[in-house]
């Protein structure tokens, strides 16, 4: 087996030497032309004259001029609902075997088509991530170890002509045959739908596995590791998995979880971030000296960027029709953008709901900064999740505590607007002082918020509850595990319903 690990590592190193990063502008133009050519005879392609766009002197500009920006609700209402009714050749050639059920918060429930081309693209992007491991100086025997992927159930909902499930479950159900040797917890356990039962089975089987890497959303991976440690009476997870070296996160910022996560380890891991959304595999971290992710530019996804400023976004968090839209070549470092994608699943100029910041233009690296609807702008405060995270980090530093989850809202109370926070921590804190710390950090780092605090936004209030209450709410109203994420921002009515739940007596 050591020989096998050495062979795999050499193959990865060799491929890394001969496979250069593509020129971003050329790669993206090529992807768009491929998408347009393949979809030109679909109903969508005929309506927007993809054939004519392909023949134009500047297909990228022609595409942007002809095709409107879509969010999920509009694309579903106008096009994708036909797919659920069994129609084919709507926005992508043929039909699809799968629909990804998104647990995102930009809509109550989303059915994202997952075509065979998308499944192939996700596999290819996964291989790009594997090839990038050459940059992380891992020993040969790492490549012999098991890979524990904590995702949603691979037991999909079977409809007449398709199957439904979360993208992590669909991806796991379609892993290549050769990967089965490394994949844990295995198809049987992965198909278990009940979260508690799945984690208990993992805890029971864990001593028999030799795990080298884990992937999954941080909050659920942490709960799983705690269960394994408790069930097997361990000090740290390295007691049974001494070769665990890599944790691959995705979808949410890992920093709020890192401190408590590392209490479960004998030593820190290599942390690699990825961007696998219900709509596709969009980016992956390719080098160790950053936590930014490189956009996957040559694999079935065309990216566009809308400057994330007040005049470009309506009250529902949607891109306005007149908003400027930039290509990757036109976008600049350090600015925050709403991300649009066109994909091999028939998403066209689709507002995925995430906001990103380009951190390194040359390497096409980004960080996810928030969500278009995880954005407070009730009285002109214009707060992104990125700014809120910074305030929480300052709070953690000031009180020497961990805050892994929080939800914020601006509400109208006693004839005035108040910004309310509920934070997840088991520590006893002075909530009045906490509110002062958050307020000062936001005033110091967001001029719009500072102005709002002198006008309509009259107060800031903080309440603290055990973080387990957040997860209990998620289990009751969303679900545990998989792709489920805790929202950072809520509208007033939803916020008070959440507050009533988490503050109720045990």
Protein backbone atom coordinates (compact mmCIF):
# COMPACT_ATOMS: atom_id res chain seq x y z
CA UNK A 1 0.00 0.00 0.00
CA UNK A 2 2.87 2.40 0.68
CA UNK A 3 3.97 1.81 -2.90
CA UNK A 4 0.47 2.71 -4.11
CA UNK A 5 0.54 5.96 -2.16
CA UNK A 6 3.87 6.86 -3.68
CA UNK A 7 2.62 6.14 -7.18
CA UNK A 8 -0.49 8.30 -6.65
CA UNK A 9 1.57 11.17 -5.25
CA UNK A 10 4.01 11.01 -8.15
CA UNK A 11 1.11 11.01 -10.60
CA UNK A 12 -0.39 14.08 -8.90
CA UNK A 13 2.97 15.87 -8.89
CA UNK A 14 3.53 15.03 -12.55
CA UNK A 15 0.07 16.20 -13.58
CA UNK A 16 0.60 19.37 -11.61
CA UNK A 17 3.80 20.06 -13.54
CA UNK A 18 2.30 19.50 -17.01
CA UNK A 19 -1.12 21.07 -16.30
CA UNK A 20 -0.80 24.84 -16.19
CA UNK A 21 -3.51 27.16 -14.99
CA UNK A 22 -5.59 28.42 -17.94
CA UNK A 23 -5.59 32.02 -19.10
CA UNK A 24 -8.72 33.32 -17.33
CA UNK A 25 -10.19 35.41 -20.15
CA UNK A 26 -9.53 32.78 -22.84
CA UNK A 27 -10.83 29.94 -20.65
CA UNK A 28 -14.03 31.78 -19.79
CA UNK A 29 -14.70 32.81 -23.40
CA UNK A 30 -14.20 29.18 -24.49
CA UNK A 31 -16.59 27.92 -21.81
CA UNK A 32 -19.29 30.39 -22.81
CA UNK A 33 -18.98 29.45 -26.49
CA UNK A 34 -19.26 25.76 -25.56
CA UNK A 35 -22.36 26.43 -23.46
CA UNK A 36 -24.02 28.48 -26.21
CA UNK A 37 -23.20 25.97 -28.93
CA UNK A 38 -24.56 22.99 -27.00
CA UNK A 39 -27.76 24.77 -25.89
CA UNK A 40 -28.51 26.67 -29.10
CA UNK A 41 -31.42 24.38 -30.08
CA UNK A 42 -33.07 24.27 -26.64
CA UNK A 43 -36.19 26.33 -26.05
CA UNK A 44 -34.08 28.84 -24.13
CA UNK A 45 -31.40 28.96 -26.83
CA UNK A 46 -33.96 29.52 -29.57
CA UNK A 47 -35.73 32.29 -27.65
CA UNK A 48 -32.51 34.21 -27.09
CA UNK A 49 -30.97 33.36 -30.48
CA UNK A 50 -27.82 31.61 -29.29
CA UNK A 51 -26.94 30.88 -32.92
CA UNK A 52 -26.89 34.59 -33.65
CA UNK A 53 -24.85 35.30 -30.52
CA UNK A 54 -22.27 32.72 -31.61
CA UNK A 55 -21.95 34.45 -35.00
CA UNK A 56 -21.47 37.93 -33.52
CA UNK A 57 -18.03 39.60 -33.42
CA UNK A 58 -18.16 39.73 -29.60
CA UNK A 59 -20.21 36.76 -28.33
CA UNK A 60 -19.66 37.65 -24.67
CA UNK A 61 -21.10 41.15 -25.05
CA UNK A 62 -23.88 39.88 -27.30
CA UNK A 63 -24.80 37.24 -24.70
CA UNK A 64 -24.92 39.84 -21.94
CA UNK A 65 -27.07 42.14 -24.04
CA UNK A 66 -29.55 39.48 -25.18
CA UNK A 67 -30.08 37.35 -22.06
CA UNK A 68 -31.54 38.87 -18.86
CA UNK A 69 -30.25 38.19 -15.36
CA UNK A 70 -32.28 35.50 -13.57
CA UNK A 71 -32.77 34.56 -9.96
CA UNK A 72 -34.14 31.16 -8.99
CA UNK A 73 -37.78 32.24 -8.69
CA UNK A 74 -37.82 33.82 -12.15
CA UNK A 75 -35.92 31.02 -13.87
CA UNK A 76 -38.19 28.44 -12.26
CA UNK A 77 -41.38 30.31 -13.09
CA UNK A 78 -40.42 30.87 -16.73
CA UNK A 79 -38.43 27.73 -17.55
CA UNK A 80 -37.45 25.15 -14.94
CA UNK A 81 -40.98 24.25 -13.85
CA UNK A 82 -41.35 22.55 -17.25
CA UNK A 83 -38.50 20.21 -16.31
CA UNK A 84 -40.32 19.07 -13.18
CA UNK A 85 -43.33 18.37 -15.39
CA UNK A 86 -41.26 16.03 -17.57
CA UNK A 87 -40.38 18.28 -20.51
CA UNK A 88 -36.94 18.13 -22.12
CA UNK A 89 -34.66 20.47 -24.09
CA UNK A 90 -35.85 23.43 -22.06
CA UNK A 91 -32.67 25.21 -20.91
CA UNK A 92 -30.20 22.36 -21.62
CA UNK A 93 -30.30 19.53 -24.19
CA UNK A 94 -32.24 16.46 -23.10
CA UNK A 95 -33.58 15.94 -19.61
CA UNK A 96 -31.97 15.17 -16.28
CA UNK A 97 -31.97 12.30 -13.82
CA UNK A 98 -31.61 14.50 -10.77
CA UNK A 99 -32.84 17.66 -9.08
CA UNK A 100 -30.81 19.13 -6.22
CA UNK A 101 -33.03 20.25 -3.36
CA UNK A 102 -31.34 23.33 -2.04
CA UNK A 103 -31.40 24.21 1.63
CA UNK A 104 -30.25 27.73 0.80
CA UNK A 105 -32.19 30.70 2.10
CA UNK A 106 -32.70 32.75 -1.05
CA UNK A 107 -35.95 30.87 -1.61
CA UNK A 108 -38.11 28.62 0.55
CA UNK A 109 -37.36 25.54 -1.55
CA UNK A 110 -35.40 25.16 -4.74
CA UNK A 111 -35.26 22.39 -7.32
CA UNK A 112 -32.00 22.76 -9.25
CA UNK A 113 -31.61 20.57 -12.35
CA UNK A 114 -28.49 18.39 -12.25
CA UNK A 115 -27.63 17.11 -15.73
CA UNK A 116 -25.22 14.36 -16.71
CA UNK A 117 -22.89 17.09 -17.92
CA UNK A 118 -22.98 18.71 -14.48
CA UNK A 119 -22.21 15.43 -12.72
CA UNK A 120 -19.24 14.96 -15.07
CA UNK A 121 -18.13 18.56 -14.37
CA UNK A 122 -18.32 18.03 -10.59
CA UNK A 123 -16.16 14.93 -10.93
CA UNK A 124 -13.63 16.81 -13.05
CA UNK A 125 -13.53 19.69 -10.55
CA UNK A 126 -13.00 17.17 -7.76
CA UNK A 127 -9.98 15.86 -9.64
CA UNK A 128 -8.66 19.42 -9.97
CA UNK A 129 -8.84 19.67 -6.20
CA UNK A 130 -6.99 16.37 -5.83
CA UNK A 131 -4.30 17.54 -8.25
CA UNK A 132 -3.85 20.74 -6.24
CA UNK A 133 -2.85 18.64 -3.21
CA UNK A 134 0.66 18.62 -4.66
CA UNK A 135 0.94 22.17 -3.26
CA UNK A 136 0.29 21.07 0.34
CA UNK A 137 3.39 18.91 0.89
CA UNK A 138 1.52 15.79 1.99
CA UNK A 139 3.41 12.51 2.51
CA UNK A 140 2.86 9.61 0.06
CA UNK A 141 0.98 7.48 2.60
CA UNK A 142 -1.73 10.18 2.86
CA UNK A 143 -3.01 9.03 -0.51
CA UNK A 144 -3.74 5.54 0.83
CA UNK A 145 -6.06 6.76 3.58
CA UNK A 146 -9.83 6.90 3.75
CA UNK A 147 -11.79 10.04 2.87
CA UNK A 148 -14.77 10.68 5.15
CA UNK A 149 -17.42 12.75 3.39
CA UNK A 150 -20.18 13.91 5.72
CA UNK A 151 -23.04 14.94 3.46
CA UNK A 152 -26.75 14.50 3.06
CA UNK A 153 -28.33 11.11 2.46
CA UNK A 154 -27.52 9.23 -0.75
CA UNK A 155 -30.98 7.69 -0.45
CA UNK A 156 -32.68 9.98 -2.95
CA UNK A 157 -36.37 10.72 -3.40
CA UNK A 158 -37.57 8.79 -6.45
CA UNK A 159 -40.11 10.48 -8.69
CA UNK A 160 -41.53 9.18 -11.98
CA UNK A 161 -38.73 10.39 -14.25
CA UNK A 162 -36.07 11.73 -11.88
CA UNK A 163 -34.59 11.59 -8.37
CA UNK A 164 -34.29 14.40 -5.83
CA UNK A 165 -31.84 15.09 -3.03
CA UNK A 166 -29.17 17.51 -1.83
CA UNK A 167 -26.17 17.99 -4.10
CA UNK A 168 -23.80 16.30 -1.63
CA UNK A 169 -26.04 13.22 -1.65
CA UNK A 170 -26.33 13.22 -5.45
CA UNK A 171 -22.56 13.57 -5.80
CA UNK A 172 -21.89 10.75 -3.32
CA UNK A 173 -24.40 8.52 -5.12
CA UNK A 174 -22.40 9.04 -8.31
CA UNK A 175 -18.84 8.56 -7.07
CA UNK A 176 -16.56 6.70 -9.52
CA UNK A 177 -16.14 3.00 -8.84
CA UNK A 178 -12.41 3.32 -8.10
CA UNK A 179 -13.14 5.89 -5.39
CA UNK A 180 -15.30 3.45 -3.40
CA UNK A 181 -12.15 1.95 -1.90
CA UNK A 182 -11.35 5.25 -0.18
CA UNK A 183 -14.86 6.60 0.46
CA UNK A 184 -16.25 6.58 3.99
CA UNK A 185 -18.73 6.15 5.61
CA UNK A 186 -19.72 3.99 2.62
CA UNK A 187 -22.98 3.93 0.70
CA UNK A 188 -24.93 1.99 3.35
CA UNK A 189 -24.33 4.50 6.15
CA UNK A 190 -24.45 7.46 3.77
CA UNK A 191 -27.96 6.45 2.72
CA UNK A 192 -29.32 6.79 6.28
CA UNK A 193 -31.66 9.78 6.39
CA UNK A 194 -31.92 10.27 10.15
CA UNK A 195 -28.99 12.42 11.29
CA UNK A 196 -28.65 10.97 14.80
CA UNK A 197 -28.75 7.40 13.50
CA UNK A 198 -26.18 8.16 10.78
CA UNK A 199 -23.75 9.76 13.23
CA UNK A 200 -24.17 6.91 15.72
CA UNK A 201 -23.32 4.39 13.00
CA UNK A 202 -20.28 6.41 12.03
CA UNK A 203 -19.18 6.48 15.68
CA UNK A 204 -19.57 2.70 15.90
CA UNK A 205 -17.56 2.03 12.73
CA UNK A 206 -14.94 4.77 13.21
CA UNK A 207 -12.29 2.64 15.01
CA UNK A 208 -12.08 0.36 11.97
CA UNK A 209 -11.29 3.16 9.53
CA UNK A 210 -7.96 4.82 8.73
CA UNK A 211 -9.09 8.33 7.83
CA UNK A 212 -6.73 10.82 6.22
CA UNK A 213 -9.19 13.59 5.37
CA UNK A 214 -12.71 14.76 6.22
CA UNK A 215 -15.06 16.98 4.24
CA UNK A 216 -18.34 18.60 5.23
CA UNK A 217 -19.96 21.73 6.66
CA UNK A 218 -18.05 22.73 9.84
CA UNK A 219 -20.91 22.74 12.33
CA UNK A 220 -22.07 19.22 11.41
CA UNK A 221 -18.54 17.79 11.18
CA UNK A 222 -17.82 19.15 14.65
CA UNK A 223 -20.96 17.50 16.06
CA UNK A 224 -19.95 14.22 14.40
CA UNK A 225 -16.42 14.35 15.83
CA UNK A 226 -17.80 15.03 19.33
CA UNK A 227 -20.08 11.99 19.03
CA UNK A 228 -17.21 9.75 17.87
CA UNK A 229 -14.99 10.93 20.74
CA UNK A 230 -17.71 10.51 23.34
CA UNK A 231 -18.91 7.11 22.06
CA UNK A 232 -15.40 5.66 21.88
CA UNK A 233 -14.20 7.36 25.09
CA UNK A 234 -11.34 9.21 23.38
CA UNK A 235 -9.34 12.29 24.26
CA UNK A 236 -9.12 13.52 20.67
CA UNK A 237 -10.09 12.17 17.27
CA UNK A 238 -6.43 11.49 16.54
CA UNK A 239 -6.58 8.69 19.11
CA UNK A 240 -8.26 6.50 16.50
CA UNK A 241 -7.35 8.41 13.32
CA UNK A 242 -3.64 9.23 13.79
CA UNK A 243 -3.25 9.84 10.05
CA UNK A 244 -5.97 12.50 9.83
CA UNK A 245 -4.27 15.49 8.18
CA UNK A 246 -6.78 17.38 6.02
CA UNK A 247 -10.18 18.95 6.58
CA UNK A 248 -12.04 20.23 3.53
CA UNK A 249 -14.72 22.75 4.40
CA UNK A 250 -17.21 24.36 2.07
CA UNK A 251 -20.07 26.79 1.79
CA UNK A 252 -19.54 28.70 5.04
CA UNK A 253 -16.61 30.46 6.69
CA UNK A 254 -14.54 28.05 8.79
CA UNK A 255 -12.90 30.66 11.05
CA UNK A 256 -15.75 30.89 13.61
CA UNK A 257 -15.49 27.14 14.19
CA UNK A 258 -11.71 26.68 14.14
CA UNK A 259 -11.02 27.29 17.84
CA UNK A 260 -13.58 24.76 19.11
CA UNK A 261 -12.84 22.40 16.23
CA UNK A 262 -9.17 22.16 17.19
CA UNK A 263 -10.07 21.19 20.76
CA UNK A 264 -11.14 17.86 19.25
CA UNK A 265 -7.73 17.31 17.64
CA UNK A 266 -4.28 16.38 18.92
CA UNK A 267 -2.77 18.74 16.34
CA UNK A 268 -4.08 21.19 13.74
CA UNK A 269 -5.03 19.98 10.28
CA UNK A 270 -4.46 21.36 6.82
CA UNK A 271 -7.66 23.29 6.07
CA UNK A 272 -8.84 23.46 2.47
CA UNK A 273 -11.93 25.38 1.43
CA UNK A 274 -14.17 24.47 -1.51
CA UNK A 275 -17.23 25.99 -3.15
CA UNK A 276 -19.65 23.21 -4.09
CA UNK A 277 -23.12 24.71 -4.43
CA UNK A 278 -26.34 23.06 -5.52
CA UNK A 279 -25.73 24.66 -8.91
CA UNK A 280 -22.21 23.28 -9.41
CA UNK A 281 -18.62 23.02 -8.21
CA UNK A 282 -17.43 26.61 -8.58
CA UNK A 283 -14.08 27.03 -6.84
CA UNK A 284 -11.47 25.31 -4.71
CA UNK A 285 -8.47 26.33 -2.63
CA UNK A 286 -5.35 25.37 -4.54
CA UNK A 287 -2.49 26.57 -2.35
CA UNK A 288 -1.68 26.56 1.38
CA UNK A 289 -0.69 30.19 1.92
CA UNK A 290 -4.23 31.56 1.53
CA UNK A 291 -7.80 30.70 2.46
CA UNK A 292 -9.09 32.07 -0.84
CA UNK A 293 -10.43 29.76 -3.54
CA UNK A 294 -9.54 29.68 -7.22
CA UNK A 295 -12.53 29.81 -9.56
CA UNK A 296 -12.72 26.73 -11.79
CA UNK A 297 -12.60 28.52 -15.10
CA UNK A 298 -12.50 25.72 -17.67
CA UNK A 299 -15.20 23.33 -16.58
CA UNK A 300 -18.74 24.21 -17.63
CA UNK A 301 -19.33 27.39 -15.62
CA UNK A 302 -19.22 30.96 -16.97
CA UNK A 303 -18.89 33.62 -14.25
CA UNK A 304 -20.15 37.20 -14.16
CA UNK A 305 -19.98 39.85 -11.45
CA UNK A 306 -22.37 42.61 -10.36
CA UNK A 307 -20.91 45.29 -8.04
CA UNK A 308 -22.58 44.75 -4.66
CA UNK A 309 -23.71 48.29 -3.94
CA UNK A 310 -27.08 49.62 -2.89
CA UNK A 311 -28.06 51.03 -6.28
CA UNK A 312 -27.64 47.60 -7.95
CA UNK A 313 -29.77 45.56 -5.52
CA UNK A 314 -33.50 45.82 -4.86
CA UNK A 315 -35.24 45.39 -1.49
CA UNK A 316 -35.64 41.64 -2.08
CA UNK A 317 -31.92 41.13 -2.64
CA UNK A 318 -32.22 40.77 -6.43
CA UNK A 319 -30.04 42.38 -9.08
CA UNK A 320 -31.77 45.35 -10.69
CA UNK A 321 -32.27 45.26 -14.45
CA UNK A 322 -30.10 48.32 -15.06
CA UNK A 323 -27.19 47.09 -12.89
CA UNK A 324 -23.80 46.82 -14.64
CA UNK A 325 -22.51 43.27 -15.10
CA UNK A 326 -18.79 42.54 -15.46
CA UNK A 327 -16.80 39.58 -16.73
CA UNK A 328 -13.94 38.19 -14.66
CA UNK A 329 -11.56 40.10 -16.91
CA UNK A 330 -13.35 43.39 -16.09
CA UNK A 331 -13.81 42.82 -12.33
CA UNK A 332 -11.23 44.21 -9.90
CA UNK A 333 -9.55 43.02 -6.73
CA UNK A 334 -10.92 44.02 -3.36
CA UNK A 335 -14.45 44.80 -4.51
CA UNK A 336 -17.53 42.87 -3.42
CA UNK A 337 -19.71 41.38 -6.16
CA UNK A 338 -22.94 39.47 -6.59
CA UNK A 339 -21.99 36.28 -8.44
CA UNK A 340 -23.83 35.20 -11.61
CA UNK A 341 -23.25 31.83 -13.30
CA UNK A 342 -24.20 30.10 -16.54
CA UNK A 343 -23.74 26.33 -16.40
CA UNK A 344 -24.00 22.93 -18.07
CA UNK A 345 -27.20 22.36 -16.09
CA UNK A 346 -28.99 25.12 -17.97
CA UNK A 347 -28.65 27.97 -15.49
CA UNK A 348 -28.26 31.19 -17.45
CA UNK A 349 -26.95 34.44 -15.96
CA UNK A 350 -28.21 32.98 -12.72
CA UNK A 351 -27.90 34.87 -9.44
CA UNK A 352 -26.74 32.11 -7.14
CA UNK A 353 -27.31 34.30 -4.08
CA UNK A 354 -23.71 34.57 -2.91
CA UNK A 355 -21.53 37.64 -2.76
CA UNK A 356 -17.80 37.27 -3.33
CA UNK A 357 -14.66 39.36 -3.16
CA UNK A 358 -11.85 38.88 -5.69
CA UNK A 359 -8.69 38.59 -3.61
CA UNK A 360 -6.15 37.80 -6.35
CA UNK A 361 -7.06 38.71 -9.91
CA UNK A 362 -4.06 36.96 -11.47
CA UNK A 363 -4.94 33.65 -9.81
CA UNK A 364 -8.73 34.20 -10.16
CA UNK A 365 -9.08 33.70 -6.40
CA UNK A 366 -12.16 34.71 -4.43
CA UNK A 367 -13.62 34.58 -0.96
CA UNK A 368 -17.33 34.18 -0.27
CA UNK A 369 -18.29 37.35 1.61
CA UNK A 370 -21.99 36.69 2.25
CA UNK A 371 -25.41 36.31 0.70
CA UNK A 372 -27.48 38.88 -1.14
CA UNK A 373 -30.32 38.22 1.29
CA UNK A 374 -27.98 37.88 4.28
CA UNK A 375 -27.67 41.62 4.05
CA UNK A 376 -29.22 44.19 6.34
CA UNK A 377 -30.38 47.44 4.80
CA UNK A 378 -33.61 48.32 6.58
CA UNK A 379 -32.67 51.91 7.48
CA UNK A 380 -29.62 52.45 5.27
CA UNK A 381 -27.16 50.46 7.42
CA UNK A 382 -25.95 48.38 4.42
CA UNK A 383 -24.39 45.56 6.45
CA UNK A 384 -22.97 42.52 4.70
CA UNK A 385 -22.29 39.25 6.52
CA UNK A 386 -18.59 39.95 6.10
CA UNK A 387 -18.92 43.07 8.31
CA UNK A 388 -21.06 41.17 10.82
CA UNK A 389 -18.45 38.39 11.02
CA UNK A 390 -15.80 40.99 11.81
CA UNK A 391 -17.93 42.37 14.65
CA UNK A 392 -18.42 38.87 16.07
CA UNK A 393 -14.67 38.22 15.86
CA UNK A 394 -14.07 41.39 17.89
CA UNK A 395 -16.64 40.22 20.43
CA UNK A 396 -14.92 36.84 20.72
CA UNK A 397 -11.56 38.52 21.26
CA UNK A 398 -12.90 40.96 23.86
CA UNK A 399 -14.64 38.29 25.96
CA UNK A 400 -12.33 35.37 25.08
CA UNK A 401 -15.32 33.28 24.01
CA UNK A 402 -16.45 31.29 20.97
CA UNK A 403 -19.45 32.38 18.92
CA UNK A 404 -20.05 29.80 16.23
CA UNK A 405 -23.55 30.91 15.23
CA UNK A 406 -25.46 34.17 15.25
CA UNK A 407 -28.55 35.71 13.69
CA UNK A 408 -29.21 39.44 13.33
CA UNK A 409 -32.23 41.52 12.39
CA UNK A 410 -33.35 45.14 12.36
CA UNK A 411 -36.83 45.37 13.90
CA UNK A 412 -39.33 48.14 14.62
CA UNK A 413 -39.88 48.15 18.38
CA UNK A 414 -41.44 50.80 20.64
CA UNK A 415 -41.73 53.23 17.72
CA UNK A 416 -38.05 52.96 16.80
CA UNK A 417 -35.67 50.72 14.83
CA UNK A 418 -33.40 48.41 16.82
CA UNK A 419 -30.72 46.02 15.62
CA UNK A 420 -31.09 42.74 17.50
CA UNK A 421 -28.54 39.93 17.72
CA UNK A 422 -28.89 36.42 19.07
CA UNK A 423 -25.50 34.76 19.50
CA UNK A 424 -24.68 31.14 20.23
CA UNK A 425 -22.33 30.73 23.18
CA UNK A 426 -22.34 28.82 26.45
CA UNK A 427 -20.35 31.56 28.20
CA UNK A 428 -21.93 34.01 30.62
CA UNK A 429 -21.43 37.48 29.16
CA UNK A 430 -22.52 41.04 29.79
CA UNK A 431 -24.92 41.45 26.87
CA UNK A 432 -25.01 45.24 27.22
CA UNK A 433 -21.22 45.35 26.88
CA UNK A 434 -21.45 42.89 23.96
CA UNK A 435 -23.85 45.24 22.19
CA UNK A 436 -21.41 48.14 22.70
CA UNK A 437 -18.53 46.13 21.22
CA UNK A 438 -20.52 45.07 18.16
CA UNK A 439 -21.86 48.58 17.66
CA UNK A 440 -18.42 50.20 17.84
CA UNK A 441 -16.86 47.68 15.46
CA UNK A 442 -19.60 48.25 12.90
CA UNK A 443 -19.41 52.04 13.24
CA UNK A 444 -15.64 51.97 12.82
CA UNK A 445 -15.74 49.79 9.70
CA UNK A 446 -18.94 50.71 7.89
CA UNK A 447 -19.67 54.37 7.25
CA UNK A 448 -23.27 53.67 6.17
CA UNK A 449 -23.96 51.91 9.47
CA UNK A 450 -22.34 54.78 11.38
CA UNK A 451 -24.64 57.26 9.64
CA UNK A 452 -27.69 55.07 10.28
CA UNK A 453 -26.83 55.01 14.00
CA UNK A 454 -27.12 58.80 14.09
CA UNK A 455 -30.51 58.70 12.44
CA UNK A 456 -33.11 55.91 12.31
CA UNK A 457 -31.21 53.04 13.95
CA UNK A 458 -31.60 53.90 17.62
CA UNK A 459 -30.18 50.93 19.52
CA UNK A 460 -28.31 47.62 19.41
CA UNK A 461 -29.30 44.71 21.63
CA UNK A 462 -27.68 41.30 22.15
CA UNK A 463 -29.03 38.09 23.65
CA UNK A 464 -26.98 34.93 24.19
CA UNK A 465 -28.19 31.32 24.07
CA UNK A 466 -26.35 27.99 23.98
CA UNK A 467 -25.34 27.20 20.40
CA UNK A 468 -27.19 23.89 20.70
CA UNK A 469 -30.42 25.91 20.51
CA UNK A 470 -29.49 26.98 16.98
CA UNK A 471 -29.01 23.36 15.96
CA UNK A 472 -32.24 22.33 17.67
CA UNK A 473 -34.05 24.99 15.64
CA UNK A 474 -32.36 23.74 12.47
CA UNK A 475 -33.42 20.17 13.23
CA UNK A 476 -37.00 21.27 13.84
CA UNK A 477 -37.49 23.65 10.91
CA UNK A 478 -34.77 22.73 8.40
CA UNK A 479 -32.77 19.62 9.17
CA UNK A 480 -29.48 18.49 10.66
CA UNK A 481 -26.42 17.75 8.58
CA UNK A 482 -26.00 17.72 4.82
CA UNK A 483 -25.95 21.13 3.22
CA UNK A 484 -28.17 22.77 5.89
CA UNK A 485 -26.82 26.15 7.00
CA UNK A 486 -27.89 28.55 9.74
CA UNK A 487 -28.94 31.92 8.24
CA UNK A 488 -27.13 35.01 9.48
CA UNK A 489 -29.92 37.50 8.79
CA UNK A 490 -33.69 37.26 9.22
CA UNK A 491 -36.63 39.50 8.50
CA UNK A 492 -38.45 40.79 11.57
CA UNK A 493 -41.27 38.24 11.68
CA UNK A 494 -38.93 35.27 11.14
CA UNK A 495 -36.49 36.64 13.71
CA UNK A 496 -39.10 36.82 16.47
CA UNK A 497 -40.28 33.28 15.68
CA UNK A 498 -36.66 32.11 15.93
CA UNK A 499 -36.19 34.05 19.17
CA UNK A 500 -39.29 32.53 20.72
CA UNK A 501 -37.98 29.07 19.87
CA UNK A 502 -34.42 29.43 21.20
CA UNK A 503 -35.46 31.29 24.38
CA UNK A 504 -38.18 28.88 25.41
CA UNK A 505 -37.53 27.02 28.68
CA UNK A 506 -35.79 23.66 28.29
